[in-house]
């Protein structure tokens, strides 16, 4: 038998006794659920209340700021089509070219006719019409004045019995003829001037016809359609192309009557489209209808949205938010805390005993991933935010982080 020294024996005995009596401290745990109660692990969050910016949610369809079906102004054959569908054009850019040989000749003829009449009237470029400066009128005036002087002398001589009566009568007749010829010259010059005005008008029309052989874009935009090809013969009024302005775009929105006070020209509008999830486009209200629609009691407004990059397209459906001026308090929960079935929203509040209490709630706005609850819960309540599909009224919740 082996014997240990007393000090070592006592030490071992003390260690064994200490090991047998030691109690390990356990972490605090929730009160265990009654036997037979189902337990679900779920994350939780506290319901908060804070001010939020209110907005009016409406929807509408984007449309082009302007769209024009451009037509030919004269008849002729198409000789050039410098644009295609999708071509970006600036105001005045050529869309199609019509043959211009005949129209150009007519314009040259009109210019020549006007120049001929101007030369006959003695007009120089840039000068205004003065009938007394017309050569024919000036000559007739000089002849009339000379004949009148001869008549005045003849009258003086006949009064002194120094001139036969026949010579006096001849002088008087010559003065009358010269005066009538002067009047005729003035009338002729006036008629020629009116002819000049008509010739200038025909020249303007001819020049316009020549300019109209090039059909041009009415504004900056994109060619939506080109409706003619080289060789086609068009007449006045034939549509040759469709051009639309896509920057900015406009969107017509219908706002319920109760939100009229939140609407004003110049107020900001945020838009989202399905093609760009999570991306927001900003515009401004340009038009507010002066009257509410009698059938729907709604207000029609129009907003303008910049589109320099061309990402937005006419015809896209857009969801718009119009922010109100003042902030108001709201009760908010994480979006993951709300379960919606058949248009019924519900949350699960964790009671003081740790069990789930199902609450049917009404929701409001969504703000930064949080959903406003307008009825059903209050600030300070604790709600489950995960495993909602496994929860039901009375189910025990084990909180997880």
Protein backbone atom coordinates (compact mmCIF):
# COMPACT_ATOMS: atom_id res chain seq x y z
CA UNK A 1 0.00 0.00 0.00
CA UNK A 2 1.33 3.30 -1.07
CA UNK A 3 1.09 6.15 1.44
CA UNK A 4 1.15 9.79 0.43
CA UNK A 5 2.64 12.41 2.55
CA UNK A 6 -0.01 14.14 4.64
CA UNK A 7 0.26 17.56 3.04
CA UNK A 8 -0.23 16.15 -0.46
CA UNK A 9 -3.14 13.93 0.70
CA UNK A 10 -4.91 16.84 2.26
CA UNK A 11 -4.39 18.92 -0.88
CA UNK A 12 -5.93 16.29 -3.13
CA UNK A 13 -8.84 15.78 -0.80
CA UNK A 14 -9.55 19.50 -0.74
CA UNK A 15 -9.43 19.67 -4.54
CA UNK A 16 -11.88 16.80 -4.91
CA UNK A 17 -14.29 18.31 -2.44
CA UNK A 18 -14.07 21.67 -4.19
CA UNK A 19 -14.78 20.07 -7.58
CA UNK A 20 -17.81 18.28 -6.25
CA UNK A 21 -19.36 21.39 -4.69
CA UNK A 22 -18.64 23.96 -7.50
CA UNK A 23 -21.83 25.43 -9.28
CA UNK A 24 -21.40 26.81 -12.81
CA UNK A 25 -23.21 30.17 -13.46
CA UNK A 26 -25.65 29.83 -16.40
CA UNK A 27 -26.77 32.73 -18.69
CA UNK A 28 -30.14 34.29 -18.08
CA UNK A 29 -32.81 32.65 -20.22
CA UNK A 30 -36.42 33.37 -20.90
CA UNK A 31 -39.09 31.65 -18.91
CA UNK A 32 -39.61 28.26 -20.50
CA UNK A 33 -42.80 27.85 -22.47
CA UNK A 34 -45.52 25.68 -21.02
CA UNK A 35 -45.42 22.09 -22.14
CA UNK A 36 -47.05 21.68 -25.56
CA UNK A 37 -46.57 25.35 -26.65
CA UNK A 38 -44.90 25.83 -30.08
CA UNK A 39 -41.81 28.06 -30.11
CA UNK A 40 -40.45 30.05 -33.07
CA UNK A 41 -37.15 31.90 -33.17
CA UNK A 42 -37.57 35.40 -34.63
CA UNK A 43 -35.75 38.70 -34.79
CA UNK A 44 -37.53 41.65 -33.22
CA UNK A 45 -37.57 45.44 -33.42
CA UNK A 46 -39.07 48.27 -31.41
CA UNK A 47 -41.85 50.37 -32.94
CA UNK A 48 -40.69 53.98 -33.20
CA UNK A 49 -42.41 57.30 -33.71
CA UNK A 50 -40.77 60.19 -35.57
CA UNK A 51 -41.71 63.01 -37.96
CA UNK A 52 -41.77 62.17 -41.67
CA UNK A 53 -42.35 64.12 -44.84
CA UNK A 54 -45.79 63.36 -46.19
CA UNK A 55 -46.32 62.78 -49.89
CA UNK A 56 -49.14 62.13 -52.30
CA UNK A 57 -48.64 58.93 -54.31
CA UNK A 58 -50.10 59.05 -57.83
CA UNK A 59 -49.31 57.49 -61.18
CA UNK A 60 -49.29 58.46 -64.83
CA UNK A 61 -47.74 57.87 -68.24
CA UNK A 62 -44.73 59.72 -69.64
CA UNK A 63 -45.21 61.52 -72.92
CA UNK A 64 -43.07 63.61 -75.24
CA UNK A 65 -42.85 67.32 -74.53
CA UNK A 66 -43.75 67.94 -78.17
CA UNK A 67 -44.48 65.71 -81.15
CA UNK A 68 -45.01 66.89 -84.73
CA UNK A 69 -45.93 65.14 -87.95
CA UNK A 70 -43.91 67.20 -90.43
CA UNK A 71 -45.48 67.62 -93.89
CA UNK A 72 -44.26 68.86 -97.27
CA UNK A 73 -45.20 72.44 -98.19
CA UNK A 74 -44.86 71.94 -101.96
CA UNK A 75 -45.27 69.17 -104.50
CA UNK A 76 -42.29 67.38 -105.97
CA UNK A 77 -40.14 64.29 -106.04
CA UNK A 78 -37.99 63.29 -103.07
CA UNK A 79 -34.29 63.35 -103.99
CA UNK A 80 -32.65 62.95 -100.57
CA UNK A 81 -33.52 61.61 -97.10
CA UNK A 82 -30.63 62.46 -94.75
CA UNK A 83 -32.31 61.09 -91.58
CA UNK A 84 -33.47 57.69 -90.30
CA UNK A 85 -35.61 56.56 -87.38
CA UNK A 86 -33.87 57.46 -84.13
CA UNK A 87 -31.74 60.22 -85.65
CA UNK A 88 -31.28 63.13 -83.26
CA UNK A 89 -31.91 66.43 -85.01
CA UNK A 90 -31.70 70.08 -84.07
CA UNK A 91 -34.25 72.72 -84.97
CA UNK A 92 -33.97 73.51 -88.69
CA UNK A 93 -32.12 70.31 -89.62
CA UNK A 94 -33.03 68.84 -93.03
CA UNK A 95 -35.37 65.85 -92.92
CA UNK A 96 -35.97 65.34 -96.67
CA UNK A 97 -35.02 67.17 -99.87
CA UNK A 98 -37.49 67.76 -102.74
CA UNK A 99 -36.29 68.41 -106.30
CA UNK A 100 -35.86 72.19 -106.70
CA UNK A 101 -34.89 72.87 -110.34
CA UNK A 102 -38.31 74.17 -111.44
CA UNK A 103 -38.92 76.08 -108.23
CA UNK A 104 -35.48 77.68 -108.41
CA UNK A 105 -36.17 78.88 -111.98
CA UNK A 106 -39.46 80.40 -110.87
CA UNK A 107 -37.70 82.20 -108.05
CA UNK A 108 -35.08 83.59 -110.43
CA UNK A 109 -37.83 84.81 -112.78
CA UNK A 110 -39.65 86.56 -109.95
CA UNK A 111 -36.45 88.30 -108.88
CA UNK A 112 -35.78 89.45 -112.43
CA UNK A 113 -39.31 90.86 -112.88
CA UNK A 114 -39.04 92.83 -109.66
CA UNK A 115 -35.63 94.18 -110.66
CA UNK A 116 -36.98 95.28 -114.05
CA UNK A 117 -39.74 97.38 -112.49
CA UNK A 118 -37.34 98.84 -109.95
CA UNK A 119 -35.07 99.97 -112.79
CA UNK A 120 -38.01 101.55 -114.62
CA UNK A 121 -38.90 103.51 -111.51
CA UNK A 122 -35.30 104.49 -110.90
CA UNK A 123 -35.16 102.77 -107.52
CA UNK A 124 -31.80 101.80 -106.08
CA UNK A 125 -31.21 99.01 -103.57
CA UNK A 126 -32.41 100.05 -100.15
CA UNK A 127 -34.10 103.27 -101.33
CA UNK A 128 -37.73 104.07 -100.54
CA UNK A 129 -40.19 104.95 -103.27
CA UNK A 130 -40.51 108.71 -104.04
CA UNK A 131 -42.85 109.37 -106.95
CA UNK A 132 -41.27 112.75 -107.74
CA UNK A 133 -37.92 111.01 -108.34
CA UNK A 134 -39.31 108.74 -111.05
CA UNK A 135 -37.68 109.88 -114.37
CA UNK A 136 -40.95 110.01 -116.35
CA UNK A 137 -42.65 112.01 -113.62
CA UNK A 138 -39.72 114.41 -113.33
CA UNK A 139 -39.75 115.04 -117.09
CA UNK A 140 -43.51 115.59 -117.15
CA UNK A 141 -43.23 117.99 -114.23
CA UNK A 142 -40.53 120.03 -116.01
CA UNK A 143 -42.61 120.18 -119.22
CA UNK A 144 -45.68 121.25 -117.27
CA UNK A 145 -43.81 123.98 -115.44
CA UNK A 146 -42.29 125.27 -118.69
CA UNK A 147 -45.67 125.33 -120.44
CA UNK A 148 -47.16 127.20 -117.49
CA UNK A 149 -44.44 129.85 -117.70
CA UNK A 150 -45.11 130.30 -121.42
CA UNK A 151 -48.80 130.68 -120.72
CA UNK A 152 -48.18 133.27 -117.99
CA UNK A 153 -46.07 135.33 -120.40
CA UNK A 154 -48.66 135.01 -123.15
CA UNK A 155 -51.39 136.24 -120.82
CA UNK A 156 -49.32 139.30 -119.87
CA UNK A 157 -48.68 140.10 -123.54
CA UNK A 158 -52.27 139.64 -124.61
CA UNK A 159 -53.41 142.00 -121.89
CA UNK A 160 -51.09 144.64 -123.39
CA UNK A 161 -52.41 143.89 -126.87
CA UNK A 162 -48.90 142.71 -127.88
CA UNK A 163 -49.86 139.07 -128.66
CA UNK A 164 -52.54 137.82 -130.98
CA UNK A 165 -55.43 135.99 -129.35
CA UNK A 166 -54.68 132.85 -131.34
CA UNK A 167 -51.17 132.59 -129.93
CA UNK A 168 -52.57 133.08 -126.41
CA UNK A 169 -55.11 130.32 -126.90
CA UNK A 170 -52.38 128.00 -128.24
CA UNK A 171 -50.21 128.73 -125.19
CA UNK A 172 -53.07 128.00 -122.81
CA UNK A 173 -53.84 124.72 -124.54
CA UNK A 174 -50.20 123.65 -124.34
CA UNK A 175 -50.14 124.40 -120.60
CA UNK A 176 -53.28 122.31 -120.08
CA UNK A 177 -51.84 119.41 -122.10
CA UNK A 178 -48.55 119.53 -120.16
CA UNK A 179 -50.41 119.52 -116.86
CA UNK A 180 -52.49 116.50 -117.87
CA UNK A 181 -49.39 114.67 -119.06
CA UNK A 182 -47.80 115.31 -115.66
CA UNK A 183 -50.85 113.81 -113.95
CA UNK A 184 -50.73 110.84 -116.30
CA UNK A 185 -47.03 110.33 -115.54
CA UNK A 186 -47.72 110.32 -111.79
CA UNK A 187 -50.58 107.84 -112.19
CA UNK A 188 -48.40 105.61 -114.36
CA UNK A 189 -45.58 105.72 -111.79
CA UNK A 190 -48.03 104.83 -109.01
CA UNK A 191 -49.31 101.88 -111.03
CA UNK A 192 -45.77 100.70 -111.71
CA UNK A 193 -45.00 100.91 -108.01
CA UNK A 194 -48.03 98.75 -107.21
CA UNK A 195 -46.81 96.32 -109.86
CA UNK A 196 -43.44 96.31 -108.11
CA UNK A 197 -45.10 95.44 -104.82
CA UNK A 198 -46.91 92.54 -106.53
CA UNK A 199 -43.66 91.40 -108.13
CA UNK A 200 -41.90 91.50 -104.79
CA UNK A 201 -44.71 89.46 -103.24
CA UNK A 202 -44.38 86.86 -106.02
CA UNK A 203 -40.63 86.89 -105.42
CA UNK A 204 -41.20 86.21 -101.70
CA UNK A 205 -43.57 83.35 -102.51
CA UNK A 206 -41.09 81.90 -105.01
CA UNK A 207 -38.26 82.11 -102.54
CA UNK A 208 -40.38 80.44 -99.87
CA UNK A 209 -41.26 77.66 -102.29
CA UNK A 210 -37.56 77.20 -102.98
CA UNK A 211 -36.83 77.06 -99.24
CA UNK A 212 -39.69 74.59 -98.77
CA UNK A 213 -37.96 72.07 -101.03
CA UNK A 214 -36.02 71.22 -97.87
CA UNK A 215 -38.37 69.92 -95.16
CA UNK A 216 -36.81 70.80 -91.83
CA UNK A 217 -37.20 69.74 -88.19
CA UNK A 218 -39.43 72.17 -86.24
CA UNK A 219 -37.49 71.72 -82.96
CA UNK A 220 -34.68 69.77 -81.30
CA UNK A 221 -35.67 66.14 -80.94
CA UNK A 222 -35.55 62.61 -82.29
CA UNK A 223 -36.94 61.31 -85.58
CA UNK A 224 -39.65 58.85 -84.60
CA UNK A 225 -40.56 57.87 -88.17
CA UNK A 226 -39.48 58.70 -91.72
CA UNK A 227 -42.50 58.14 -93.96
CA UNK A 228 -41.03 58.71 -97.46
CA UNK A 229 -38.10 57.45 -99.51
CA UNK A 230 -36.03 58.74 -102.40
CA UNK A 231 -38.13 58.71 -105.57
CA UNK A 232 -41.49 59.18 -103.85
CA UNK A 233 -43.66 61.98 -105.22
CA UNK A 234 -45.29 64.13 -102.55
CA UNK A 235 -47.90 66.85 -102.70
CA UNK A 236 -48.56 69.71 -100.35
CA UNK A 237 -49.61 68.29 -96.97
CA UNK A 238 -47.99 64.85 -97.38
CA UNK A 239 -46.46 63.72 -94.07
CA UNK A 240 -42.78 62.97 -94.52
CA UNK A 241 -41.51 62.43 -90.96
CA UNK A 242 -42.51 62.44 -87.30
CA UNK A 243 -40.30 64.25 -84.78
CA UNK A 244 -40.65 64.20 -81.00
CA UNK A 245 -38.93 66.19 -78.28
CA UNK A 246 -37.88 63.82 -75.49
CA UNK A 247 -36.13 66.25 -73.18
CA UNK A 248 -37.83 67.22 -71.06
CA UNK A 249 -40.71 64.75 -70.85
CA UNK A 250 -44.06 65.46 -69.30
CA UNK A 251 -46.35 63.28 -67.23
CA UNK A 252 -50.04 63.83 -66.59
CA UNK A 253 -51.14 62.85 -63.08
CA UNK A 254 -54.55 62.55 -61.45
CA UNK A 255 -54.57 63.71 -57.82
CA UNK A 256 -57.47 62.83 -55.46
CA UNK A 257 -59.46 65.85 -54.36
CA UNK A 258 -58.48 65.62 -50.68
CA UNK A 259 -54.85 66.36 -51.56
CA UNK A 260 -55.48 69.56 -53.54
CA UNK A 261 -53.92 71.70 -50.80
CA UNK A 262 -50.59 69.88 -51.31
CA UNK A 263 -50.44 70.71 -55.03
CA UNK A 264 -48.92 73.89 -56.47
CA UNK A 265 -47.08 74.90 -59.62
CA UNK A 266 -43.31 74.55 -59.12
CA UNK A 267 -43.53 71.87 -56.39
CA UNK A 268 -41.09 68.99 -56.71
CA UNK A 269 -42.22 65.57 -57.95
CA UNK A 270 -40.25 62.30 -57.58
CA UNK A 271 -40.86 59.60 -60.18
CA UNK A 272 -39.94 55.95 -60.45
CA UNK A 273 -40.29 53.62 -63.44
CA UNK A 274 -40.12 49.84 -63.53
CA UNK A 275 -37.19 49.89 -65.96
CA UNK A 276 -34.87 51.41 -63.32
CA UNK A 277 -35.63 49.83 -59.92
CA UNK A 278 -34.49 51.98 -57.01
CA UNK A 279 -33.71 54.99 -59.19
CA UNK A 280 -35.58 58.24 -58.70
CA UNK A 281 -36.18 60.96 -61.30
CA UNK A 282 -37.10 64.46 -60.19
CA UNK A 283 -39.42 66.88 -61.95
CA UNK A 284 -41.59 69.88 -61.18
CA UNK A 285 -45.28 70.61 -61.51
CA UNK A 286 -45.87 72.83 -64.55
CA UNK A 287 -49.66 72.88 -64.78
CA UNK A 288 -52.51 72.52 -62.31
CA UNK A 289 -56.02 72.24 -63.71
CA UNK A 290 -58.22 75.18 -62.68
CA UNK A 291 -61.14 72.83 -61.98
CA UNK A 292 -61.77 69.44 -60.37
CA UNK A 293 -63.26 66.74 -62.60
CA UNK A 294 -66.95 66.42 -61.82
CA UNK A 295 -67.09 62.62 -62.23
CA UNK A 296 -64.06 61.60 -60.16
CA UNK A 297 -63.56 64.70 -57.95
CA UNK A 298 -59.90 64.51 -58.93
CA UNK A 299 -57.48 67.18 -60.06
CA UNK A 300 -55.43 66.89 -63.26
CA UNK A 301 -51.84 68.15 -63.06
CA UNK A 302 -48.85 67.98 -65.38
CA UNK A 303 -45.21 67.71 -64.36
CA UNK A 304 -42.09 68.24 -66.46
CA UNK A 305 -39.16 65.82 -66.01
CA UNK A 306 -35.62 66.52 -67.37
CA UNK A 307 -34.34 63.74 -69.61
CA UNK A 308 -30.94 64.83 -70.94
CA UNK A 309 -29.58 61.26 -70.88
CA UNK A 310 -32.58 59.86 -72.73
CA UNK A 311 -33.09 57.07 -70.18
CA UNK A 312 -36.80 57.80 -69.88
CA UNK A 313 -39.01 56.95 -72.84
CA UNK A 314 -42.42 58.31 -73.82
CA UNK A 315 -45.12 55.79 -72.99
CA UNK A 316 -43.47 54.45 -69.82
CA UNK A 317 -45.70 54.08 -66.77
CA UNK A 318 -44.43 56.14 -63.82
CA UNK A 319 -45.23 56.23 -60.12
CA UNK A 320 -44.98 59.74 -58.72
CA UNK A 321 -44.64 61.12 -55.22
CA UNK A 322 -45.49 64.74 -54.45
CA UNK A 323 -44.07 65.82 -51.11
CA UNK A 324 -46.11 68.03 -48.82
CA UNK A 325 -44.57 71.06 -47.20
CA UNK A 326 -44.82 70.10 -43.48
CA UNK A 327 -43.63 67.01 -41.59
CA UNK A 328 -45.99 65.13 -39.25
CA UNK A 329 -45.38 62.34 -36.67
CA UNK A 330 -45.70 58.72 -37.78
CA UNK A 331 -45.51 55.30 -36.11
CA UNK A 332 -42.96 53.21 -38.04
CA UNK A 333 -41.96 49.54 -38.17
CA UNK A 334 -39.41 47.76 -40.38
CA UNK A 335 -40.85 46.62 -43.69
CA UNK A 336 -40.01 43.02 -42.78
CA UNK A 337 -42.39 43.23 -39.80
CA UNK A 338 -45.49 43.54 -41.96
CA UNK A 339 -47.10 40.47 -43.47
CA UNK A 340 -49.74 41.05 -46.13
CA UNK A 341 -52.24 38.38 -47.17
CA UNK A 342 -55.19 39.11 -49.45
CA UNK A 343 -54.77 42.86 -48.96
CA UNK A 344 -54.81 42.38 -45.16
CA UNK A 345 -51.72 43.64 -43.34
CA UNK A 346 -50.72 42.22 -39.98
CA UNK A 347 -47.83 42.33 -37.53
CA UNK A 348 -46.90 40.14 -34.58
CA UNK A 349 -46.33 42.01 -31.32
CA UNK A 350 -44.20 40.28 -28.69
CA UNK A 351 -46.11 40.34 -25.41
CA UNK A 352 -44.51 40.65 -21.98
CA UNK A 353 -44.78 36.88 -21.57
CA UNK A 354 -42.91 36.34 -24.86
CA UNK A 355 -45.85 35.11 -26.92
CA UNK A 356 -46.96 36.50 -30.28
CA UNK A 357 -50.03 38.73 -30.51
CA UNK A 358 -51.38 39.04 -34.03
CA UNK A 359 -52.48 42.59 -34.87
CA UNK A 360 -54.39 43.57 -38.01
CA UNK A 361 -52.98 46.95 -39.00
CA UNK A 362 -53.50 49.67 -41.56
CA UNK A 363 -50.42 50.94 -43.32
CA UNK A 364 -49.44 54.36 -44.61
CA UNK A 365 -46.32 55.60 -46.32
CA UNK A 366 -43.01 53.82 -46.80
CA UNK A 367 -39.97 55.79 -45.63
CA UNK A 368 -36.41 54.49 -46.02
CA UNK A 369 -37.40 50.84 -45.60
CA UNK A 370 -39.84 51.60 -42.77
CA UNK A 371 -43.62 51.30 -43.08
CA UNK A 372 -45.99 53.68 -41.38
CA UNK A 373 -48.66 52.00 -39.25
CA UNK A 374 -51.72 54.18 -38.83
CA UNK A 375 -53.58 51.79 -36.53
CA UNK A 376 -52.88 48.54 -34.70
CA UNK A 377 -49.63 49.23 -32.85
CA UNK A 378 -48.08 52.06 -30.88
CA UNK A 379 -44.60 53.39 -30.28
CA UNK A 380 -42.62 51.18 -27.87
CA UNK A 381 -44.24 47.91 -28.92
CA UNK A 382 -41.86 45.11 -29.90
CA UNK A 383 -42.65 43.36 -33.18
CA UNK A 384 -41.24 40.29 -34.89
CA UNK A 385 -39.29 40.97 -38.09
CA UNK A 386 -38.46 37.45 -39.30
CA UNK A 387 -40.11 34.05 -39.73
CA UNK A 388 -43.53 35.71 -39.91
CA UNK A 389 -44.93 32.84 -41.96
CA UNK A 390 -44.37 30.51 -38.98
CA UNK A 391 -45.98 32.82 -36.44
CA UNK A 392 -49.54 32.79 -35.22
CA UNK A 393 -51.45 34.26 -32.33
CA UNK A 394 -50.13 32.73 -29.06
CA UNK A 395 -46.96 31.18 -30.52
CA UNK A 396 -43.98 31.50 -28.20
CA UNK A 397 -41.21 33.74 -29.66
CA UNK A 398 -37.57 33.17 -28.92
CA UNK A 399 -35.78 36.37 -29.74
CA UNK A 400 -32.68 36.26 -31.92
CA UNK A 401 -30.29 39.00 -32.83
